[in-house]
C-alpha atoms as a PDB file:
ATOM      1  CA  MET A   1     116.478  90.703  94.873  1.00  0.00           C
ATOM      2  CA  PHE A   2     116.281  86.862  94.924  1.00  0.00           C
ATOM      3  CA  ALA A   3     119.076  84.713  93.108  1.00  0.00           C
ATOM      4  CA  ARG A   4     116.686  81.758  93.478  1.00  0.00           C
ATOM      5  CA  PHE A   5     113.184  81.154  94.938  1.00  0.00           C
ATOM      6  CA  LEU A   6     114.256  82.209  98.472  1.00  0.00           C
ATOM      7  CA  LYS A   7     117.732  82.720  98.365  1.00  0.00           C
ATOM      8  CA  ALA A   8     118.491  86.542  98.433  1.00  0.00           C
ATOM      9  CA  ALA A   9     121.035  87.693  95.759  1.00  0.00           C
ATOM     10  CA  PRO A  10     124.614  88.551  96.996  1.00  0.00           C
ATOM     11  CA  ALA A  11     124.107  92.221  96.102  1.00  0.00           C
ATOM     12  CA  CYS A  12     121.800  94.505  94.052  1.00  0.00           C
ATOM     13  CA  PRO A  13     122.860  94.603  90.541  1.00  0.00           C
ATOM     14  CA  ASN A  14     122.030  98.334  90.183  1.00  0.00           C
ATOM     15  CA  CYS A  15     123.310  99.746  93.379  1.00  0.00           C
ATOM     16  CA  GLY A  16     125.554  97.099  94.767  1.00  0.00           C
ATOM     17  CA  LEU A  17     123.981  96.942  98.291  1.00  0.00           C
ATOM     18  CA  ARG A  18     124.781  93.687  99.873  1.00  0.00           C
ATOM     19  CA  LEU A  19     121.645  91.714 100.469  1.00  0.00           C
ATOM     20  CA  ASP A  20     123.192  88.550 101.869  1.00  0.00           C
ATOM     21  CA  ALA A  21     123.763  90.017 105.174  1.00  0.00           C
ATOM     22  CA  HIS A  22     119.962  90.063 106.169  1.00  0.00           C
ATOM     23  CA  GLN A  23     118.892  87.854 109.004  1.00  0.00           C
ATOM     24  CA  ALA A  24     115.043  87.196 108.003  1.00  0.00           C
ATOM     25  CA  ASP A  25     115.461  83.670 109.326  1.00  0.00           C
ATOM     26  CA  ASP A  26     111.948  82.185 110.049  1.00  0.00           C
ATOM     27  CA  PHE A  27     109.980  85.437 110.457  1.00  0.00           C
ATOM     28  CA  PRO A  28     108.540  85.345 106.905  1.00  0.00           C
ATOM     29  CA  ALA A  29     107.162  81.922 107.330  1.00  0.00           C
ATOM     30  CA  TYR A  30     105.593  82.851 110.608  1.00  0.00           C
ATOM     31  CA  ILE A  31     103.899  85.867 108.802  1.00  0.00           C
ATOM     32  CA  VAL A  32     102.762  83.674 106.047  1.00  0.00           C
ATOM     33  CA  ILE A  33     101.128  80.922 108.454  1.00  0.00           C
ATOM     34  CA  LEU A  34      99.305  83.810 110.454  1.00  0.00           C
ATOM     35  CA  ALA A  35      97.958  85.124 107.220  1.00  0.00           C
ATOM     36  CA  LEU A  36      97.096  81.896 105.819  1.00  0.00           C
ATOM     37  CA  GLY A  37      95.181  81.098 108.962  1.00  0.00           C
ATOM     38  CA  HIS A  38      93.243  84.468 108.767  1.00  0.00           C
ATOM     39  CA  ILE A  39      92.417  83.767 105.176  1.00  0.00           C
ATOM     40  CA  LEU A  40      91.487  79.998 105.186  1.00  0.00           C
ATOM     41  CA  VAL A  41      89.596  79.354 108.319  1.00  0.00           C
ATOM     42  CA  PRO A  42      86.861  81.916 107.675  1.00  0.00           C
ATOM     43  CA  LEU A  43      86.832  80.777 104.045  1.00  0.00           C
ATOM     44  CA  MET A  44      86.376  77.208 105.013  1.00  0.00           C
ATOM     45  CA  ILE A  45      83.548  78.089 107.598  1.00  0.00           C
ATOM     46  CA  GLU A  46      81.678  80.130 105.049  1.00  0.00           C
ATOM     47  CA  VAL A  47      82.109  77.279 102.318  1.00  0.00           C
ATOM     48  CA  ASN A  48      80.976  74.620 104.789  1.00  0.00           C
ATOM     49  CA  ALA A  49      78.018  76.746 105.844  1.00  0.00           C
ATOM     50  CA  ALA A  50      77.096  77.428 102.130  1.00  0.00           C
ATOM     51  CA  LEU A  51      77.787  74.143 100.495  1.00  0.00           C
ATOM     52  CA  ALA A  52      77.591  70.613 101.268  1.00  0.00           C
ATOM     53  CA  ILE A  53      80.929  69.369  99.996  1.00  0.00           C
ATOM     54  CA  PRO A  54      82.032  65.828 101.067  1.00  0.00           C
ATOM     55  CA  LEU A  55      84.709  65.503 103.618  1.00  0.00           C
ATOM     56  CA  LEU A  56      86.976  63.601 101.151  1.00  0.00           C
ATOM     57  CA  TRP A  57      86.989  66.627  98.776  1.00  0.00           C
ATOM     58  CA  GLN A  58      87.514  69.131 101.536  1.00  0.00           C
ATOM     59  CA  ALA A  59      90.617  66.930 102.627  1.00  0.00           C
ATOM     60  CA  LEU A  60      91.915  67.476  99.125  1.00  0.00           C
ATOM     61  CA  ILE A  61      91.014  71.052  98.446  1.00  0.00           C
ATOM     62  CA  TRP A  62      92.022  72.848 101.790  1.00  0.00           C
ATOM     63  CA  PRO A  63      95.407  71.664 102.213  1.00  0.00           C
ATOM     64  CA  GLY A  64      96.023  72.091  98.361  1.00  0.00           C
ATOM     65  CA  LEU A  65      94.804  75.604  98.403  1.00  0.00           C
ATOM     66  CA  ALA A  66      96.945  76.170 101.753  1.00  0.00           C
ATOM     67  CA  ILE A  67     100.149  75.060  99.859  1.00  0.00           C
ATOM     68  CA  LEU A  68      99.547  76.987  96.601  1.00  0.00           C
ATOM     69  CA  LEU A  69      98.745  80.100  98.616  1.00  0.00           C
ATOM     70  CA  ALA A  70     101.875  79.765 100.897  1.00  0.00           C
ATOM     71  CA  LEU A  71     104.174  79.295  97.991  1.00  0.00           C
ATOM     72  CA  ALA A  72     102.537  82.502  96.255  1.00  0.00           C
ATOM     73  CA  MET A  73     102.988  84.618  99.416  1.00  0.00           C
ATOM     74  CA  ILE A  74     106.475  83.420 100.800  1.00  0.00           C
ATOM     75  CA  GLN A  75     108.785  85.139  98.481  1.00  0.00           C
ATOM     76  CA  PRO A  76     107.062  88.620  98.493  1.00  0.00           C
ATOM     77  CA  VAL A  77     106.813  88.407 102.325  1.00  0.00           C
ATOM     78  CA  LYS A  78     110.515  87.534 102.806  1.00  0.00           C
ATOM     79  CA  GLY A  79     111.173  90.504 100.377  1.00  0.00           C
ATOM     80  CA  ALA A  80     109.152  92.768 102.475  1.00  0.00           C
ATOM     81  CA  VAL A  81     110.886  91.551 105.665  1.00  0.00           C
ATOM     82  CA  ILE A  82     114.269  92.355 104.188  1.00  0.00           C
ATOM     83  CA  ALA A  83     113.040  95.700 102.939  1.00  0.00           C
ATOM     84  CA  VAL A  84     111.946  96.641 106.572  1.00  0.00           C
ATOM     85  CA  GLN A  85     115.332  95.378 107.779  1.00  0.00           C
ATOM     86  CA  TRP A  86     117.002  97.633 105.336  1.00  0.00           C
ATOM     87  CA  SER A  87     114.872 100.707 106.112  1.00  0.00           C
ATOM     88  CA  ARG A  88     115.484 100.294 109.874  1.00  0.00           C
ATOM     89  CA  ARG A  89     119.363  99.583 109.255  1.00  0.00           C
ATOM     90  CA  MET A  90     118.772  96.209 111.142  1.00  0.00           C
ATOM     91  CA  ALA A  91     120.593  92.796 110.941  1.00  0.00           C
ATOM     92  CA  GLY A  92     123.735  93.674 108.810  1.00  0.00           C
ATOM     93  CA  PHE A  93     122.339  96.728 106.988  1.00  0.00           C
ATOM     94  CA  SER A  94     124.401  99.581 108.213  1.00  0.00           C
END
């Protein structure tokens, strides 16, 4: 589905469906930010309650974890947004 990390391929190699007509824009990023907030904030609260990690270590751990999770989630979320657009015949899929 993707030609590069977040660039959709021009067309599906199997069926020839044009994939470059989608308009996902920033919606996948908003979904990832919302999901990361719901994952990381409770995790940070629980870790802080259970362990006494120094603030400097936390300043390194939490942003690093947020970046790794965001990079792992953005491509599948963008693929899901394109799939929903295709299933509903939205944004260039007719």
